[in-house]
Amino acid sequence: MAVTAKWYGLGMANLVGGTVAAGTAIDYMSDTIKVSLHLNYTPDQDTHQFWGSVSASEIAATGGYIAGGSTLLNKTLTYTTGTNVLKFDGDDQTYAASTISATQAVVADHTIAGTPLLGYVDFGGTVSSTAGNWTITWDSAGIFTITPA
């Protein structure tokens, strides 16, 4: 399943300078960005800013899934001249040999105190695996994009 994430508004503000809360400037390329899985979480793009807003809905560790999620590897940040699109990307996430049921994934910065949230994916329903690979395939346009109006 290919997915595209949605920004948390406060996460975006922190990405461009940490203006919402002191000490929360996010460096996408250098910080440890993780993807966690959640069940029946209700995202709020306007008020959810830190891990405490999502931790209660995280699924239990199982098989290839560990608490807090997996680190997003091979992150890239690219700018396309002409279209002026800034693309945040990274490797697809696979949780091997896992029995998982999840309705959302959350992308967060685990380097900064409080673990600021960047964005989330809503799968549109429960997606499950039984003793197999559970994979998030990011959209070919990237995990997040910033496109000019």
C-alpha atoms as a PDB file:
ATOM      1  CA  MET A   1       0.000   0.000   0.000  1.00  0.00           C
ATOM      2  CA  ALA A   2       1.477   3.359  -1.011  1.00  0.00           C
ATOM      3  CA  VAL A   3       0.791   6.148   1.460  1.00  0.00           C
ATOM      4  CA  THR A   4       1.415   9.858   1.834  1.00  0.00           C
ATOM      5  CA  ALA A   5       1.753  11.457   5.243  1.00  0.00           C
ATOM      6  CA  LYS A   6       0.013  14.604   6.491  1.00  0.00           C
ATOM      7  CA  TRP A   7       1.870  17.281   8.451  1.00  0.00           C
ATOM      8  CA  TYR A   8       1.123  18.205  12.031  1.00  0.00           C
ATOM      9  CA  GLY A   9       0.877  22.010  11.898  1.00  0.00           C
ATOM     10  CA  LEU A  10       3.054  22.478  14.979  1.00  0.00           C
ATOM     11  CA  GLY A  11       5.555  19.930  13.665  1.00  0.00           C
ATOM     12  CA  MET A  12       5.935  21.967  10.503  1.00  0.00           C
ATOM     13  CA  ALA A  13       6.501  25.131  12.548  1.00  0.00           C
ATOM     14  CA  ASN A  14       9.207  23.327  14.543  1.00  0.00           C
ATOM     15  CA  LEU A  15      10.806  22.077  11.330  1.00  0.00           C
ATOM     16  CA  VAL A  16      11.387  25.589  10.112  1.00  0.00           C
ATOM     17  CA  GLY A  17      12.906  26.975  13.261  1.00  0.00           C
ATOM     18  CA  GLY A  18      11.435  25.668  16.478  1.00  0.00           C
ATOM     19  CA  THR A  19       9.249  28.722  16.900  1.00  0.00           C
ATOM     20  CA  VAL A  20       6.387  26.945  18.697  1.00  0.00           C
ATOM     21  CA  ALA A  21       8.300  25.618  21.701  1.00  0.00           C
ATOM     22  CA  ALA A  22      11.828  26.522  22.752  1.00  0.00           C
ATOM     23  CA  GLY A  23      14.447  23.909  21.853  1.00  0.00           C
ATOM     24  CA  THR A  24      12.314  22.049  19.322  1.00  0.00           C
ATOM     25  CA  ALA A  25      14.029  22.961  16.048  1.00  0.00           C
ATOM     26  CA  ILE A  26      13.933  19.749  14.008  1.00  0.00           C
ATOM     27  CA  ASP A  27      16.786  18.785  11.686  1.00  0.00           C
ATOM     28  CA  TYR A  28      15.209  16.170   9.413  1.00  0.00           C
ATOM     29  CA  MET A  29      18.513  14.991   7.963  1.00  0.00           C
ATOM     30  CA  SER A  30      20.534  14.766  11.201  1.00  0.00           C
ATOM     31  CA  ASP A  31      17.990  13.865  13.881  1.00  0.00           C
ATOM     32  CA  THR A  32      16.677  10.354  14.573  1.00  0.00           C
ATOM     33  CA  ILE A  33      13.291  10.254  12.863  1.00  0.00           C
ATOM     34  CA  LYS A  34      11.118   7.239  13.704  1.00  0.00           C
ATOM     35  CA  VAL A  35       7.887   5.779  12.363  1.00  0.00           C
ATOM     36  CA  SER A  36       5.555   4.245  14.954  1.00  0.00           C
ATOM     37  CA  LEU A  37       2.335   2.286  14.438  1.00  0.00           C
ATOM     38  CA  HIS A  38      -0.955   3.074  16.159  1.00  0.00           C
ATOM     39  CA  LEU A  39      -4.412   1.600  16.552  1.00  0.00           C
ATOM     40  CA  ASN A  40      -7.514   3.793  16.652  1.00  0.00           C
ATOM     41  CA  TYR A  41      -5.627   7.048  17.144  1.00  0.00           C
ATOM     42  CA  THR A  42      -7.519  10.254  16.327  1.00  0.00           C
ATOM     43  CA  PRO A  43      -5.006  12.705  14.810  1.00  0.00           C
ATOM     44  CA  ASP A  44      -5.300  16.418  15.520  1.00  0.00           C
ATOM     45  CA  GLN A  45      -3.073  18.412  13.198  1.00  0.00           C
ATOM     46  CA  ASP A  46      -3.650  21.623  15.138  1.00  0.00           C
ATOM     47  CA  THR A  47      -2.933  20.562  18.725  1.00  0.00           C
ATOM     48  CA  HIS A  48      -0.842  17.365  18.750  1.00  0.00           C
ATOM     49  CA  GLN A  49       2.789  18.369  19.016  1.00  0.00           C
ATOM     50  CA  PHE A  50       4.651  15.804  21.151  1.00  0.00           C
ATOM     51  CA  TRP A  51       4.822  12.035  21.663  1.00  0.00           C
ATOM     52  CA  GLY A  52       2.567  12.254  24.730  1.00  0.00           C
ATOM     53  CA  SER A  53      -0.363  12.990  22.386  1.00  0.00           C
ATOM     54  CA  VAL A  54       0.033   9.652  20.570  1.00  0.00           C
ATOM     55  CA  SER A  55       1.812   7.253  22.938  1.00  0.00           C
ATOM     56  CA  ALA A  56      -1.346   5.677  24.405  1.00  0.00           C
ATOM     57  CA  SER A  57      -2.475   4.445  20.977  1.00  0.00           C
ATOM     58  CA  GLU A  58       0.855   2.863  19.962  1.00  0.00           C
ATOM     59  CA  ILE A  59       0.614  -0.867  19.266  1.00  0.00           C
ATOM     60  CA  ALA A  60       2.491  -3.344  21.440  1.00  0.00           C
ATOM     61  CA  ALA A  61       5.950  -4.553  20.419  1.00  0.00           C
ATOM     62  CA  THR A  62       5.683  -7.729  18.355  1.00  0.00           C
ATOM     63  CA  GLY A  63       8.027  -9.607  16.019  1.00  0.00           C
ATOM     64  CA  GLY A  64       9.818  -6.954  13.973  1.00  0.00           C
ATOM     65  CA  TYR A  65       8.035  -4.017  15.648  1.00  0.00           C
ATOM     66  CA  ILE A  66       9.654  -2.353  18.670  1.00  0.00           C
ATOM     67  CA  ALA A  67       8.172   0.212  21.041  1.00  0.00           C
ATOM     68  CA  GLY A  68       8.627   3.741  19.726  1.00  0.00           C
ATOM     69  CA  GLY A  69       8.784   2.552  16.123  1.00  0.00           C
ATOM     70  CA  SER A  70      11.609   2.032  13.682  1.00  0.00           C
ATOM     71  CA  THR A  71      14.203   4.540  12.554  1.00  0.00           C
ATOM     72  CA  LEU A  72      13.617   6.074   9.150  1.00  0.00           C
ATOM     73  CA  LEU A  73      16.734   5.179   7.163  1.00  0.00           C
ATOM     74  CA  ASN A  74      18.314   6.750   4.078  1.00  0.00           C
ATOM     75  CA  LYS A  75      16.490  10.039   4.505  1.00  0.00           C
ATOM     76  CA  THR A  76      16.637  12.476   1.611  1.00  0.00           C
ATOM     77  CA  LEU A  77      15.648  16.088   1.211  1.00  0.00           C
ATOM     78  CA  THR A  78      15.434  17.243  -2.399  1.00  0.00           C
ATOM     79  CA  TYR A  79      14.382  20.417  -4.139  1.00  0.00           C
ATOM     80  CA  THR A  80      13.118  20.395  -7.715  1.00  0.00           C
ATOM     81  CA  THR A  81      13.987  23.493  -9.722  1.00  0.00           C
ATOM     82  CA  GLY A  82      11.129  24.754 -11.858  1.00  0.00           C
ATOM     83  CA  THR A  83       8.344  23.207  -9.779  1.00  0.00           C
ATOM     84  CA  ASN A  84       9.796  24.528  -6.509  1.00  0.00           C
ATOM     85  CA  VAL A  85       8.773  21.334  -4.669  1.00  0.00           C
ATOM     86  CA  LEU A  86      10.694  20.324  -1.549  1.00  0.00           C
ATOM     87  CA  LYS A  87      10.491  16.571  -0.920  1.00  0.00           C
ATOM     88  CA  PHE A  88      11.205  14.749   2.353  1.00  0.00           C
ATOM     89  CA  ASP A  89      11.704  11.019   1.810  1.00  0.00           C
ATOM     90  CA  GLY A  90      13.266   7.878   3.266  1.00  0.00           C
ATOM     91  CA  ASP A  91      13.164   4.106   3.000  1.00  0.00           C
ATOM     92  CA  ASP A  92       9.882   2.246   3.112  1.00  0.00           C
ATOM     93  CA  GLN A  93       9.219   0.778   6.559  1.00  0.00           C
ATOM     94  CA  THR A  94       9.006  -3.016   6.946  1.00  0.00           C
ATOM     95  CA  TYR A  95       8.301  -4.809  10.183  1.00  0.00           C
ATOM     96  CA  ALA A  96       9.359  -8.403   9.478  1.00  0.00           C
ATOM     97  CA  ALA A  97       7.772 -11.541  10.912  1.00  0.00           C
ATOM     98  CA  SER A  98       5.121  -9.521  12.711  1.00  0.00           C
ATOM     99  CA  THR A  99       1.503  -9.931  13.669  1.00  0.00           C
ATOM    100  CA  ILE A 100       0.300  -6.339  13.515  1.00  0.00           C
ATOM    101  CA  SER A 101      -2.981  -4.461  13.290  1.00  0.00           C
ATOM    102  CA  ALA A 102      -2.658  -0.696  12.838  1.00  0.00           C
ATOM    103  CA  THR A 103      -4.805   2.181  11.630  1.00  0.00           C
ATOM    104  CA  GLN A 104      -2.155   4.937  11.591  1.00  0.00           C
ATOM    105  CA  ALA A 105       1.577   5.552  11.480  1.00  0.00           C
ATOM    106  CA  VAL A 106       3.193   8.539  13.167  1.00  0.00           C
ATOM    107  CA  VAL A 107       6.493  10.169  12.140  1.00  0.00           C
ATOM    108  CA  ALA A 108       8.351  11.819  15.040  1.00  0.00           C
ATOM    109  CA  ASP A 109      11.755  13.232  15.944  1.00  0.00           C
ATOM    110  CA  HIS A 110      13.230  11.088  18.732  1.00  0.00           C
ATOM    111  CA  THR A 111      16.368  13.234  19.127  1.00  0.00           C
ATOM    112  CA  ILE A 112      14.652  16.178  20.781  1.00  0.00           C
ATOM    113  CA  ALA A 113      13.227  16.137  24.325  1.00  0.00           C
ATOM    114  CA  GLY A 114       9.491  15.485  24.293  1.00  0.00           C
ATOM    115  CA  THR A 115       9.716  13.808  20.864  1.00  0.00           C
ATOM    116  CA  PRO A 116       8.051  16.362  18.553  1.00  0.00           C
ATOM    117  CA  LEU A 117       5.649  14.974  15.961  1.00  0.00           C
ATOM    118  CA  LEU A 118       6.163  15.665  12.262  1.00  0.00           C
ATOM    119  CA  GLY A 119       3.262  13.929  10.578  1.00  0.00           C
ATOM    120  CA  TYR A 120       1.064  10.881  10.326  1.00  0.00           C
ATOM    121  CA  VAL A 121      -0.538   8.484   7.882  1.00  0.00           C
ATOM    122  CA  ASP A 122      -4.129   7.334   8.246  1.00  0.00           C
ATOM    123  CA  PHE A 123      -4.557   3.951   6.541  1.00  0.00           C
ATOM    124  CA  GLY A 124      -8.317   4.429   6.141  1.00  0.00           C
ATOM    125  CA  GLY A 125      -9.017   1.334   8.241  1.00  0.00           C
ATOM    126  CA  THR A 126      -7.215  -1.452  10.025  1.00  0.00           C
ATOM    127  CA  VAL A 127      -4.306  -2.989   8.129  1.00  0.00           C
ATOM    128  CA  SER A 128      -3.101  -6.330   9.500  1.00  0.00           C
ATOM    129  CA  SER A 129      -0.451  -8.983   9.092  1.00  0.00           C
ATOM    130  CA  THR A 130      -0.117 -12.412  10.660  1.00  0.00           C
ATOM    131  CA  ALA A 131       3.444 -13.671  11.184  1.00  0.00           C
ATOM    132  CA  GLY A 132       4.537 -11.865   8.038  1.00  0.00           C
ATOM    133  CA  ASN A 133       5.964  -8.617   6.751  1.00  0.00           C
ATOM    134  CA  TRP A 134       3.978  -5.459   7.449  1.00  0.00           C
ATOM    135  CA  THR A 135       5.177  -2.702   5.110  1.00  0.00           C
ATOM    136  CA  ILE A 136       4.552   1.016   4.625  1.00  0.00           C
ATOM    137  CA  THR A 137       5.396   2.005   1.057  1.00  0.00           C
ATOM    138  CA  TRP A 138       5.777   5.770   0.931  1.00  0.00           C
ATOM    139  CA  ASP A 139       4.234   7.630  -1.985  1.00  0.00           C
ATOM    140  CA  SER A 140       6.640   8.141  -4.904  1.00  0.00           C
ATOM    141  CA  ALA A 141       6.230  11.904  -4.353  1.00  0.00           C
ATOM    142  CA  GLY A 142       7.867  11.475  -0.930  1.00  0.00           C
ATOM    143  CA  ILE A 143       6.763  11.114   2.650  1.00  0.00           C
ATOM    144  CA  PHE A 144       6.126  14.855   2.918  1.00  0.00           C
ATOM    145  CA  THR A 145       6.248  17.544   0.254  1.00  0.00           C
ATOM    146  CA  ILE A 146       6.107  21.295   0.358  1.00  0.00           C
ATOM    147  CA  THR A 147       4.587  22.658  -2.821  1.00  0.00           C
ATOM    148  CA  PRO A 148       4.213  26.384  -3.555  1.00  0.00           C
ATOM    149  CA  ALA A 149       0.750  27.808  -4.116  1.00  0.00           C
END
